[in-house]
Amino acid sequence: MVFSRRMAVWSRMVHLDSAGVRLPRCRILPHDAGVGRPAQPPRDWLKWLGWASPAYGVLVVATHPAIRSTAPSWWELVAAMVWVVSCTVGTLWVLAMFLRFVGARVRTMDSLCENAYGIYLVHYLFVTWLQYLLLPAPLAAVAKGGIVFFGALALSWASVAGSRQVPGVARVI
């Protein structure tokens, strides 16, 4: 009896999408189409920017005393909850920006998408050696970081794209 009640509650909390997969219903996001239809992704980027900016401001205020260790112990919980809200709203704002302003496919981004896993696998080699090579260079840390980031990305991307031309490697990465 208890089990069947819990299942009845659970079945009201989820719905089937077009592929027949059970997904949780979301009533927090805007544009909820109602019962049986999935919520639409956030598209109103100005509204989400309006939520993200104050959420980040509250995060700065909430974490300032936590960093300085002058707040009471319960303040850590408040700062953690504000952190979650700020990250969530910021992520939804970025998603809304992409949905609003990114409409066409770009070949470079398609190539990056195809090679992303391989880049992840080999980037550490390039990052380590580029950092080592830049140690004696009389540059600012920001400049060295930029050189390492873009150099490692370019070298990793080129090496993976080249190695994917080999038929056996293309199936693995």
N, C-alpha and C. Protein backbone atom coordinates (compact mmCIF):
# COMPACT_ATOMS: atom_id res chain seq x y z
N MET A 1 0.83 -1.20 0.00
CA MET A 1 0.00 0.00 0.00
C MET A 1 0.87 1.26 0.00
N VAL A 2 1.85 1.30 0.89
CA VAL A 2 2.73 2.47 0.95
C VAL A 2 3.53 2.57 -0.33
N PHE A 3 4.00 1.43 -0.82
CA PHE A 3 4.78 1.42 -2.05
C PHE A 3 3.97 1.96 -3.22
N SER A 4 2.72 1.56 -3.34
CA SER A 4 1.90 2.01 -4.45
C SER A 4 1.61 3.50 -4.36
N ARG A 5 1.47 4.04 -3.14
CA ARG A 5 1.28 5.49 -3.01
C ARG A 5 2.52 6.24 -3.45
N ARG A 6 3.68 5.72 -3.06
CA ARG A 6 4.91 6.39 -3.48
C ARG A 6 5.07 6.34 -4.98
N MET A 7 4.73 5.23 -5.59
CA MET A 7 4.82 5.14 -7.04
C MET A 7 3.84 6.09 -7.71
N ALA A 8 2.66 6.26 -7.12
CA ALA A 8 1.69 7.18 -7.70
C ALA A 8 2.21 8.61 -7.62
N VAL A 9 2.83 8.97 -6.52
CA VAL A 9 3.41 10.31 -6.39
C VAL A 9 4.54 10.49 -7.39
N TRP A 10 5.41 9.47 -7.50
CA TRP A 10 6.52 9.54 -8.44
C TRP A 10 6.04 9.66 -9.88
N SER A 11 4.97 8.93 -10.24
CA SER A 11 4.48 8.99 -11.61
C SER A 11 3.90 10.35 -11.93
N ARG A 12 3.43 11.10 -10.95
CA ARG A 12 2.96 12.45 -11.21
C ARG A 12 4.11 13.44 -11.32
N MET A 13 5.30 13.05 -10.82
CA MET A 13 6.45 13.95 -10.83
C MET A 13 7.29 13.82 -12.10
N VAL A 14 7.05 12.79 -12.91
CA VAL A 14 7.83 12.59 -14.12
C VAL A 14 6.90 12.49 -15.31
N HIS A 15 7.47 12.63 -16.50
CA HIS A 15 6.68 12.46 -17.71
C HIS A 15 7.56 11.81 -18.77
N LEU A 16 6.94 11.28 -19.81
CA LEU A 16 7.67 10.65 -20.90
C LEU A 16 7.98 11.69 -21.96
N ASP A 17 9.23 11.71 -22.41
CA ASP A 17 9.54 12.60 -23.52
C ASP A 17 9.29 11.86 -24.83
N SER A 18 9.69 12.45 -25.95
CA SER A 18 9.37 11.85 -27.25
C SER A 18 10.08 10.52 -27.47
N ALA A 19 11.19 10.28 -26.76
CA ALA A 19 11.91 9.02 -26.92
C ALA A 19 11.43 7.96 -25.93
N GLY A 20 10.45 8.28 -25.09
CA GLY A 20 9.93 7.34 -24.13
C GLY A 20 10.74 7.27 -22.85
N VAL A 21 11.61 8.25 -22.63
CA VAL A 21 12.44 8.27 -21.43
C VAL A 21 11.72 9.06 -20.35
N ARG A 22 11.77 8.58 -19.12
CA ARG A 22 11.11 9.29 -18.02
C ARG A 22 12.03 10.40 -17.54
N LEU A 23 11.52 11.61 -17.58
CA LEU A 23 12.27 12.78 -17.14
C LEU A 23 11.50 13.49 -16.03
N PRO A 24 12.22 14.10 -15.07
CA PRO A 24 11.50 14.84 -14.04
C PRO A 24 10.82 16.07 -14.62
N ARG A 25 9.66 16.38 -14.13
CA ARG A 25 8.97 17.60 -14.54
C ARG A 25 9.64 18.78 -13.87
N CYS A 26 9.71 19.86 -14.57
CA CYS A 26 10.38 21.04 -14.05
C CYS A 26 9.39 22.20 -14.04
N ARG A 27 9.07 22.66 -12.88
CA ARG A 27 8.13 23.79 -12.78
C ARG A 27 8.85 25.07 -12.40
N ILE A 28 10.17 25.01 -12.27
CA ILE A 28 10.94 26.19 -11.88
C ILE A 28 11.30 27.03 -13.10
N LEU A 29 11.68 26.35 -14.20
CA LEU A 29 12.09 27.07 -15.39
C LEU A 29 10.89 27.76 -16.04
N PRO A 30 11.13 28.87 -16.73
CA PRO A 30 10.02 29.54 -17.41
C PRO A 30 9.59 28.75 -18.64
N HIS A 31 8.51 29.15 -19.22
CA HIS A 31 7.97 28.56 -20.44
C HIS A 31 7.56 27.11 -20.24
N ASP A 32 7.14 26.73 -19.05
CA ASP A 32 6.69 25.36 -18.84
C ASP A 32 5.39 25.19 -19.61
N ALA A 33 5.39 24.21 -20.49
CA ALA A 33 4.25 24.03 -21.38
C ALA A 33 3.08 23.33 -20.70
N GLY A 34 3.27 22.82 -19.51
CA GLY A 34 2.18 22.18 -18.79
C GLY A 34 2.36 20.68 -18.69
N VAL A 35 1.32 20.01 -18.25
CA VAL A 35 1.38 18.58 -18.00
C VAL A 35 1.56 17.83 -19.31
N GLY A 36 2.52 16.91 -19.32
CA GLY A 36 2.72 16.06 -20.47
C GLY A 36 3.65 16.62 -21.52
N ARG A 37 3.97 17.90 -21.45
CA ARG A 37 4.88 18.49 -22.43
C ARG A 37 6.11 19.00 -21.69
N PRO A 38 7.31 18.76 -22.25
CA PRO A 38 8.52 19.20 -21.55
C PRO A 38 8.66 20.71 -21.56
N ALA A 39 9.37 21.23 -20.56
CA ALA A 39 9.62 22.67 -20.48
C ALA A 39 10.54 23.10 -21.61
N GLN A 40 10.33 24.28 -22.12
CA GLN A 40 11.19 24.82 -23.16
C GLN A 40 12.47 25.36 -22.54
N PRO A 41 13.58 25.33 -23.26
CA PRO A 41 14.81 25.89 -22.71
C PRO A 41 14.68 27.40 -22.55
N PRO A 42 15.47 27.99 -21.67
CA PRO A 42 15.37 29.44 -21.45
C PRO A 42 15.85 30.20 -22.67
N ARG A 43 15.04 31.08 -23.20
CA ARG A 43 15.41 31.86 -24.39
C ARG A 43 15.44 33.36 -24.11
N ASP A 44 14.82 33.81 -23.07
CA ASP A 44 14.75 35.24 -22.78
C ASP A 44 16.04 35.64 -22.04
N TRP A 45 17.07 35.98 -22.80
CA TRP A 45 18.38 36.20 -22.21
C TRP A 45 18.43 37.45 -21.35
N LEU A 46 17.64 38.47 -21.65
CA LEU A 46 17.64 39.67 -20.83
C LEU A 46 17.06 39.40 -19.44
N LYS A 47 16.03 38.57 -19.38
CA LYS A 47 15.46 38.22 -18.08
C LYS A 47 16.48 37.45 -17.24
N TRP A 48 17.18 36.51 -17.89
CA TRP A 48 18.16 35.74 -17.14
C TRP A 48 19.36 36.58 -16.76
N LEU A 49 19.72 37.56 -17.57
CA LEU A 49 20.77 38.50 -17.18
C LEU A 49 20.31 39.32 -15.98
N GLY A 50 19.02 39.69 -15.98
CA GLY A 50 18.45 40.41 -14.84
C GLY A 50 18.47 39.59 -13.56
N TRP A 51 18.38 38.27 -13.66
CA TRP A 51 18.48 37.42 -12.49
C TRP A 51 19.92 37.11 -12.12
N ALA A 52 20.78 36.95 -13.14
CA ALA A 52 22.16 36.53 -12.89
C ALA A 52 22.97 37.64 -12.23
N SER A 53 22.75 38.88 -12.62
CA SER A 53 23.54 39.98 -12.06
C SER A 53 23.32 40.15 -10.56
N PRO A 54 22.07 40.26 -10.08
CA PRO A 54 21.90 40.37 -8.63
C PRO A 54 22.31 39.10 -7.89
N ALA A 55 22.12 37.93 -8.52
CA ALA A 55 22.54 36.69 -7.86
C ALA A 55 24.05 36.69 -7.64
N TYR A 56 24.80 37.18 -8.62
CA TYR A 56 26.24 37.26 -8.45
C TYR A 56 26.61 38.32 -7.41
N GLY A 57 25.89 39.42 -7.40
CA GLY A 57 26.14 40.44 -6.38
C GLY A 57 25.90 39.91 -4.98
N VAL A 58 24.82 39.16 -4.80
CA VAL A 58 24.55 38.55 -3.49
C VAL A 58 25.64 37.55 -3.15
N LEU A 59 26.12 36.82 -4.15
CA LEU A 59 27.20 35.86 -3.92
C LEU A 59 28.46 36.56 -3.43
N VAL A 60 28.80 37.69 -4.04
CA VAL A 60 29.99 38.43 -3.61
C VAL A 60 29.84 38.89 -2.17
N VAL A 61 28.68 39.40 -1.84
CA VAL A 61 28.44 39.86 -0.46
C VAL A 61 28.43 38.69 0.51
N ALA A 62 27.81 37.58 0.11
CA ALA A 62 27.68 36.43 1.02
C ALA A 62 29.01 35.73 1.26
N THR A 63 29.86 35.71 0.27
CA THR A 63 31.12 34.99 0.44
C THR A 63 32.23 35.86 1.02
N HIS A 64 32.08 37.15 1.00
CA HIS A 64 33.13 38.01 1.55
C HIS A 64 33.41 37.72 3.02
N PRO A 65 32.39 37.68 3.89
CA PRO A 65 32.69 37.33 5.28
C PRO A 65 33.16 35.87 5.42
N ALA A 66 32.70 34.99 4.57
CA ALA A 66 33.11 33.59 4.66
C ALA A 66 34.59 33.45 4.33
N ILE A 67 35.09 34.24 3.40
CA ILE A 67 36.50 34.18 3.05
C ILE A 67 37.35 34.72 4.20
N ARG A 68 36.90 35.76 4.83
CA ARG A 68 37.67 36.39 5.92
C ARG A 68 37.50 35.67 7.24
N SER A 69 36.67 34.66 7.30
CA SER A 69 36.44 33.87 8.52
C SER A 69 35.93 34.68 9.69
N THR A 70 35.16 35.70 9.40
CA THR A 70 34.60 36.51 10.48
C THR A 70 33.12 36.22 10.70
N ALA A 71 32.56 35.39 9.87
CA ALA A 71 31.12 35.12 9.95
C ALA A 71 30.86 33.96 10.90
N PRO A 72 29.64 33.88 11.43
CA PRO A 72 29.29 32.71 12.26
C PRO A 72 29.29 31.43 11.42
N SER A 73 29.25 30.31 12.08
CA SER A 73 29.37 29.03 11.38
C SER A 73 28.19 28.77 10.43
N TRP A 74 26.99 29.22 10.75
CA TRP A 74 25.84 29.00 9.88
C TRP A 74 25.95 29.80 8.59
N TRP A 75 26.81 30.81 8.55
CA TRP A 75 26.96 31.63 7.36
C TRP A 75 27.56 30.84 6.20
N GLU A 76 28.34 29.80 6.52
CA GLU A 76 28.90 28.95 5.48
C GLU A 76 27.78 28.28 4.68
N LEU A 77 26.73 27.84 5.36
CA LEU A 77 25.59 27.23 4.69
C LEU A 77 24.88 28.24 3.79
N VAL A 78 24.70 29.45 4.28
CA VAL A 78 24.07 30.50 3.48
C VAL A 78 24.92 30.78 2.24
N ALA A 79 26.23 30.91 2.44
CA ALA A 79 27.11 31.17 1.30
C ALA A 79 27.07 30.03 0.30
N ALA A 80 27.00 28.81 0.76
CA ALA A 80 26.94 27.65 -0.15
C ALA A 80 25.64 27.66 -0.95
N MET A 81 24.52 27.98 -0.31
CA MET A 81 23.24 28.02 -1.03
C MET A 81 23.22 29.16 -2.04
N VAL A 82 23.78 30.31 -1.68
CA VAL A 82 23.86 31.43 -2.61
C VAL A 82 24.76 31.06 -3.79
N TRP A 83 25.83 30.32 -3.52
CA TRP A 83 26.72 29.87 -4.59
C TRP A 83 25.96 29.02 -5.60
N VAL A 84 25.16 28.09 -5.12
CA VAL A 84 24.39 27.20 -6.00
C VAL A 84 23.40 28.01 -6.84
N VAL A 85 22.69 28.93 -6.22
CA VAL A 85 21.72 29.74 -6.94
C VAL A 85 22.42 30.59 -8.00
N SER A 86 23.53 31.21 -7.63
CA SER A 86 24.25 32.06 -8.57
C SER A 86 24.78 31.26 -9.76
N CYS A 87 25.33 30.10 -9.50
CA CYS A 87 25.84 29.26 -10.59
C CYS A 87 24.71 28.79 -11.50
N THR A 88 23.59 28.42 -10.92
CA THR A 88 22.45 27.94 -11.70
C THR A 88 21.91 29.04 -12.60
N VAL A 89 21.69 30.20 -12.03
CA VAL A 89 21.13 31.31 -12.81
C VAL A 89 22.13 31.77 -13.87
N GLY A 90 23.41 31.80 -13.52
CA GLY A 90 24.43 32.17 -14.51
C GLY A 90 24.50 31.19 -15.66
N THR A 91 24.37 29.91 -15.36
CA THR A 91 24.39 28.89 -16.40
C THR A 91 23.17 29.03 -17.31
N LEU A 92 22.01 29.28 -16.73
CA LEU A 92 20.81 29.47 -17.54
C LEU A 92 20.92 30.73 -18.40
N TRP A 93 21.59 31.77 -17.89
CA TRP A 93 21.80 32.98 -18.69
C TRP A 93 22.69 32.68 -19.89
N VAL A 94 23.79 31.92 -19.66
CA VAL A 94 24.68 31.57 -20.77
C VAL A 94 23.94 30.71 -21.79
N LEU A 95 23.15 29.76 -21.31
CA LEU A 95 22.35 28.92 -22.21
C LEU A 95 21.39 29.78 -23.03
N ALA A 96 20.72 30.72 -22.39
CA ALA A 96 19.79 31.59 -23.10
C ALA A 96 20.53 32.46 -24.13
N MET A 97 21.74 32.91 -23.79
CA MET A 97 22.53 33.69 -24.75
C MET A 97 22.86 32.85 -25.99
N PHE A 98 23.28 31.61 -25.77
CA PHE A 98 23.59 30.75 -26.90
C PHE A 98 22.36 30.46 -27.74
N LEU A 99 21.24 30.21 -27.08
CA LEU A 99 20.02 29.91 -27.83
C LEU A 99 19.54 31.12 -28.62
N ARG A 100 19.81 32.31 -28.13
CA ARG A 100 19.35 33.52 -28.80
C ARG A 100 20.27 33.93 -29.94
N PHE A 101 21.59 33.89 -29.71
CA PHE A 101 22.52 34.49 -30.66
C PHE A 101 23.27 33.49 -31.54
N VAL A 102 23.23 32.23 -31.21
CA VAL A 102 23.95 31.24 -32.02
C VAL A 102 22.92 30.47 -32.83
N GLY A 103 22.87 30.75 -34.10
CA GLY A 103 21.86 30.11 -34.93
C GLY A 103 22.44 29.27 -36.05
N ALA A 104 23.64 29.59 -36.50
CA ALA A 104 24.22 28.89 -37.63
C ALA A 104 25.38 28.01 -37.16
N ARG A 105 25.60 26.96 -37.93
CA ARG A 105 26.73 26.08 -37.63
C ARG A 105 28.01 26.71 -38.16
N VAL A 106 29.09 26.51 -37.42
CA VAL A 106 30.39 27.03 -37.80
C VAL A 106 31.32 25.82 -37.96
N ARG A 107 32.01 25.75 -39.08
CA ARG A 107 32.87 24.59 -39.35
C ARG A 107 33.94 24.42 -38.30
N THR A 108 34.49 25.51 -37.81
CA THR A 108 35.54 25.41 -36.80
C THR A 108 35.00 24.78 -35.52
N MET A 109 33.81 25.19 -35.12
CA MET A 109 33.22 24.62 -33.91
C MET A 109 32.81 23.17 -34.11
N ASP A 110 32.39 22.83 -35.33
CA ASP A 110 32.09 21.43 -35.62
C ASP A 110 33.34 20.57 -35.50
N SER A 111 34.47 21.08 -35.99
CA SER A 111 35.73 20.36 -35.88
C SER A 111 36.15 20.24 -34.42
N LEU A 112 35.98 21.32 -33.66
CA LEU A 112 36.31 21.26 -32.24
C LEU A 112 35.45 20.23 -31.52
N CYS A 113 34.18 20.17 -31.87
CA CYS A 113 33.28 19.20 -31.27
C CYS A 113 33.69 17.77 -31.61
N GLU A 114 34.07 17.54 -32.84
CA GLU A 114 34.47 16.20 -33.26
C GLU A 114 35.77 15.75 -32.60
N ASN A 115 36.66 16.69 -32.31
CA ASN A 115 37.97 16.35 -31.77
C ASN A 115 38.10 16.60 -30.28
N ALA A 116 37.03 16.95 -29.60
CA ALA A 116 37.11 17.37 -28.20
C ALA A 116 37.65 16.27 -27.29
N TYR A 117 37.19 15.06 -27.46
CA TYR A 117 37.66 13.98 -26.59
C TYR A 117 39.15 13.73 -26.78
N GLY A 118 39.59 13.72 -28.02
CA GLY A 118 41.01 13.54 -28.28
C GLY A 118 41.85 14.68 -27.72
N ILE A 119 41.34 15.90 -27.84
CA ILE A 119 42.05 17.05 -27.26
C ILE A 119 42.17 16.87 -25.76
N TYR A 120 41.10 16.40 -25.13
CA TYR A 120 41.13 16.15 -23.70
C TYR A 120 42.21 15.11 -23.35
N LEU A 121 42.35 14.10 -24.19
CA LEU A 121 43.32 13.04 -23.90
C LEU A 121 44.77 13.50 -24.04
N VAL A 122 45.06 14.36 -25.01
CA VAL A 122 46.47 14.69 -25.28
C VAL A 122 46.90 16.08 -24.79
N HIS A 123 45.99 16.90 -24.32
CA HIS A 123 46.37 18.28 -24.00
C HIS A 123 47.39 18.39 -22.89
N TYR A 124 47.39 17.45 -21.95
CA TYR A 124 48.28 17.56 -20.80
C TYR A 124 49.73 17.54 -21.23
N LEU A 125 50.05 16.75 -22.22
CA LEU A 125 51.41 16.69 -22.74
C LEU A 125 51.86 18.06 -23.22
N PHE A 126 51.03 18.73 -24.00
CA PHE A 126 51.39 20.03 -24.56
C PHE A 126 51.42 21.12 -23.48
N VAL A 127 50.47 21.07 -22.57
CA VAL A 127 50.45 22.06 -21.49
C VAL A 127 51.72 21.97 -20.66
N THR A 128 52.10 20.75 -20.29
CA THR A 128 53.29 20.56 -19.45
C THR A 128 54.55 21.05 -20.15
N TRP A 129 54.74 20.67 -21.40
CA TRP A 129 55.97 21.04 -22.09
C TRP A 129 55.99 22.52 -22.46
N LEU A 130 54.88 23.10 -22.80
CA LEU A 130 54.87 24.54 -23.07
C LEU A 130 55.17 25.34 -21.81
N GLN A 131 54.64 24.92 -20.67
CA GLN A 131 54.97 25.60 -19.42
C GLN A 131 56.46 25.49 -19.12
N TYR A 132 57.00 24.31 -19.33
CA TYR A 132 58.42 24.09 -19.08
C TYR A 132 59.28 24.96 -20.00
N LEU A 133 58.90 25.05 -21.27
CA LEU A 133 59.66 25.85 -22.21
C LEU A 133 59.58 27.34 -21.91
N LEU A 134 58.48 27.78 -21.30
CA LEU A 134 58.30 29.21 -21.01
C LEU A 134 58.85 29.63 -19.65
N LEU A 135 59.36 28.71 -18.87
CA LEU A 135 59.90 29.07 -17.55
C LEU A 135 60.96 30.17 -17.61
N PRO A 136 61.96 30.07 -18.48
CA PRO A 136 62.99 31.12 -18.47
C PRO A 136 62.58 32.41 -19.19
N ALA A 137 61.46 32.41 -19.86
CA ALA A 137 61.03 33.59 -20.64
C ALA A 137 60.67 34.74 -19.70
N PRO A 138 61.13 35.96 -20.00
CA PRO A 138 60.83 37.12 -19.15
C PRO A 138 59.48 37.74 -19.49
N LEU A 139 58.42 36.98 -19.32
CA LEU A 139 57.06 37.44 -19.62
C LEU A 139 56.23 37.44 -18.35
N ALA A 140 55.16 38.21 -18.37
CA ALA A 140 54.22 38.22 -17.26
C ALA A 140 53.48 36.88 -17.22
N ALA A 141 52.96 36.54 -16.06
CA ALA A 141 52.25 35.27 -15.89
C ALA A 141 51.03 35.19 -16.79
N VAL A 142 50.33 36.30 -16.98
CA VAL A 142 49.15 36.30 -17.83
C VAL A 142 49.54 36.00 -19.28
N ALA A 143 50.64 36.56 -19.74
CA ALA A 143 51.10 36.31 -21.10
C ALA A 143 51.51 34.85 -21.26
N LYS A 144 52.24 34.31 -20.28
CA LYS A 144 52.63 32.91 -20.35
C LYS A 144 51.39 32.00 -20.34
N GLY A 145 50.42 32.34 -19.51
CA GLY A 145 49.20 31.55 -19.46
C GLY A 145 48.45 31.56 -20.78
N GLY A 146 48.39 32.71 -21.42
CA GLY A 146 47.73 32.80 -22.72
C GLY A 146 48.46 32.01 -23.79
N ILE A 147 49.80 32.11 -23.78
CA ILE A 147 50.59 31.35 -24.75
C ILE A 147 50.39 29.86 -24.55
N VAL A 148 50.41 29.41 -23.29
CA VAL A 148 50.24 27.99 -23.00
C VAL A 148 48.83 27.54 -23.39
N PHE A 149 47.81 28.33 -23.05
CA PHE A 149 46.43 27.94 -23.37
C PHE A 149 46.24 27.79 -24.87
N PHE A 150 46.55 28.85 -25.61
CA PHE A 150 46.29 28.82 -27.04
C PHE A 150 47.25 27.88 -27.76
N GLY A 151 48.49 27.80 -27.30
CA GLY A 151 49.44 26.88 -27.90
C GLY A 151 49.04 25.43 -27.69
N ALA A 152 48.63 25.10 -26.46
CA ALA A 152 48.21 23.73 -26.16
C ALA A 152 46.93 23.38 -26.92
N LEU A 153 46.02 24.32 -27.02
CA LEU A 153 44.79 24.06 -27.77
C LEU A 153 45.10 23.81 -29.24
N ALA A 154 45.94 24.66 -29.83
CA ALA A 154 46.26 24.51 -31.25
C ALA A 154 47.03 23.21 -31.50
N LEU A 155 48.02 22.92 -30.67
CA LEU A 155 48.81 21.71 -30.87
C LEU A 155 47.98 20.44 -30.63
N SER A 156 47.16 20.47 -29.60
CA SER A 156 46.32 19.30 -29.32
C SER A 156 45.31 19.08 -30.43
N TRP A 157 44.68 20.15 -30.86
CA TRP A 157 43.67 20.08 -31.91
C TRP A 157 44.29 19.56 -33.21
N ALA A 158 45.44 20.12 -33.58
CA ALA A 158 46.10 19.70 -34.82
C ALA A 158 46.55 18.25 -34.75
N SER A 159 47.11 17.84 -33.61
CA SER A 159 47.59 16.47 -33.51
C SER A 159 46.42 15.47 -33.53
N VAL A 160 45.33 15.80 -32.88
CA VAL A 160 44.18 14.89 -32.88
C VAL A 160 43.51 14.87 -34.25
N ALA A 161 43.36 16.03 -34.87
CA ALA A 161 42.74 16.06 -36.21
C ALA A 161 43.60 15.29 -37.21
N GLY A 162 44.91 15.40 -37.09
CA GLY A 162 45.79 14.65 -37.97
C GLY A 162 45.76 13.16 -37.71
N SER A 163 45.75 12.79 -36.44
CA SER A 163 45.74 11.36 -36.11
C SER A 163 44.40 10.71 -36.42
N ARG A 164 43.33 11.50 -36.48
CA ARG A 164 42.02 10.93 -36.83
C ARG A 164 41.91 10.58 -38.31
N GLN A 165 42.90 10.97 -39.09
CA GLN A 165 42.92 10.58 -40.51
C GLN A 165 43.28 9.11 -40.66
N VAL A 166 43.91 8.54 -39.63
CA VAL A 166 44.23 7.12 -39.64
C VAL A 166 42.95 6.36 -39.31
N PRO A 167 42.54 5.40 -40.12
CA PRO A 167 41.24 4.74 -39.92
C PRO A 167 41.05 4.11 -38.55
N GLY A 168 42.05 3.46 -38.00
CA GLY A 168 41.90 2.82 -36.70
C GLY A 168 41.76 3.82 -35.57
N VAL A 169 42.46 4.94 -35.68
CA VAL A 169 42.40 5.95 -34.62
C VAL A 169 41.06 6.68 -34.65
N ALA A 170 40.53 6.89 -35.83
CA ALA A 170 39.27 7.63 -35.95
C ALA A 170 38.12 6.92 -35.23
N ARG A 171 38.19 5.59 -35.12
CA ARG A 171 37.13 4.86 -34.43
C ARG A 171 37.27 4.96 -32.91
N VAL A 172 38.48 5.24 -32.43
CA VAL A 172 38.72 5.27 -30.99
C VAL A 172 38.49 6.66 -30.41
N ILE A 173 39.02 7.70 -31.07
CA ILE A 173 38.85 9.06 -30.54
C ILE A 173 38.09 9.92 -31.51
